[in-house]
């Protein structure tokens, strides 16, 4: 093992990872993003135009994507 990698490993062992969104609030964040994404999608469907694509379409898709991932993290995936 490279000595530099070993030093980084040893230095990181004293600082545990703390996520920006804690486990207790992941459901709320995910649910809020999904609802926001659905609302923005509805607004985009009502008034579809090339101008509204970056204003409504892109934020709607990003909110839905991140919201679904946070919901998966919060409640788990049971198949």
Protein backbone atom coordinates (compact mmCIF):
# COMPACT_ATOMS: atom_id res chain seq x y z
CA UNK A 1 0.00 0.00 0.00
CA UNK A 2 1.22 3.46 -0.86
CA UNK A 3 2.36 5.35 2.24
CA UNK A 4 0.48 8.52 1.21
CA UNK A 5 -2.78 6.59 0.94
CA UNK A 6 -2.15 5.03 4.33
CA UNK A 7 -1.59 8.47 5.86
CA UNK A 8 -4.85 9.76 4.37
CA UNK A 9 -6.65 6.67 5.72
CA UNK A 10 -5.24 7.24 9.21
CA UNK A 11 -6.09 10.96 9.15
CA UNK A 12 -9.66 10.27 8.05
CA UNK A 13 -10.28 7.76 10.83
CA UNK A 14 -10.46 10.55 13.41
CA UNK A 15 -13.16 12.50 11.53
CA UNK A 16 -16.34 10.53 10.86
CA UNK A 17 -18.50 11.40 7.87
CA UNK A 18 -21.42 13.69 8.70
CA UNK A 19 -23.91 14.12 5.81
CA UNK A 20 -25.40 17.51 4.97
CA UNK A 21 -28.94 16.09 5.32
CA UNK A 22 -29.28 13.91 8.39
CA UNK A 23 -31.09 10.57 8.43
CA UNK A 24 -33.97 12.01 10.48
CA UNK A 25 -34.81 14.70 7.92
CA UNK A 26 -34.32 12.73 4.68
CA UNK A 27 -38.00 11.79 4.43
CA UNK A 28 -39.14 15.41 4.78
CA UNK A 29 -36.60 16.66 2.24
CA UNK A 30 -37.45 13.86 -0.21
CA UNK A 31 -41.21 14.31 0.12
CA UNK A 32 -40.91 18.08 -0.29
CA UNK A 33 -38.78 17.70 -3.42
CA UNK A 34 -41.18 15.16 -4.96
CA UNK A 35 -44.20 17.39 -4.31
CA UNK A 36 -42.32 20.41 -5.68
CA UNK A 37 -41.29 18.43 -8.76
CA UNK A 38 -44.85 17.28 -9.42
CA UNK A 39 -46.12 20.84 -9.02
CA UNK A 40 -43.51 22.24 -11.41
CA UNK A 41 -44.29 19.47 -13.89
CA UNK A 42 -47.97 20.42 -13.77
CA UNK A 43 -47.13 24.06 -14.34
CA UNK A 44 -44.91 23.11 -17.27
CA UNK A 45 -47.62 20.93 -18.82
CA UNK A 46 -50.14 23.77 -18.65
CA UNK A 47 -47.84 26.24 -20.43
CA UNK A 48 -45.37 24.33 -22.59
CA UNK A 49 -42.95 26.51 -24.48
CA UNK A 50 -39.26 26.63 -25.21
CA UNK A 51 -38.88 29.52 -22.76
CA UNK A 52 -40.44 27.53 -19.90
CA UNK A 53 -38.20 24.53 -20.47
CA UNK A 54 -35.23 25.87 -18.44
CA UNK A 55 -37.53 27.78 -16.05
CA UNK A 56 -39.95 24.96 -15.16
CA UNK A 57 -38.92 21.76 -16.93
CA UNK A 58 -35.35 21.44 -15.74
CA UNK A 59 -36.05 22.30 -12.06
CA UNK A 60 -39.02 19.89 -12.12
CA UNK A 61 -36.91 17.00 -13.36
CA UNK A 62 -34.10 17.74 -10.90
CA UNK A 63 -36.51 18.05 -7.97
CA UNK A 64 -38.16 14.75 -8.87
CA UNK A 65 -34.83 12.99 -9.36
CA UNK A 66 -33.28 14.14 -6.09
CA UNK A 67 -36.58 13.69 -4.25
CA UNK A 68 -36.90 10.07 -5.33
CA UNK A 69 -33.32 9.34 -4.29
CA UNK A 70 -33.89 10.92 -0.87
CA UNK A 71 -37.13 8.93 -0.48
CA UNK A 72 -35.23 5.74 -1.32
CA UNK A 73 -32.63 6.63 1.30
CA UNK A 74 -35.28 7.47 3.90
CA UNK A 75 -37.61 4.49 3.60
CA UNK A 76 -35.45 1.95 1.82
CA UNK A 77 -36.12 -0.15 -1.25
CA UNK A 78 -38.03 -3.36 -0.60
CA UNK A 79 -38.47 -5.57 -3.62
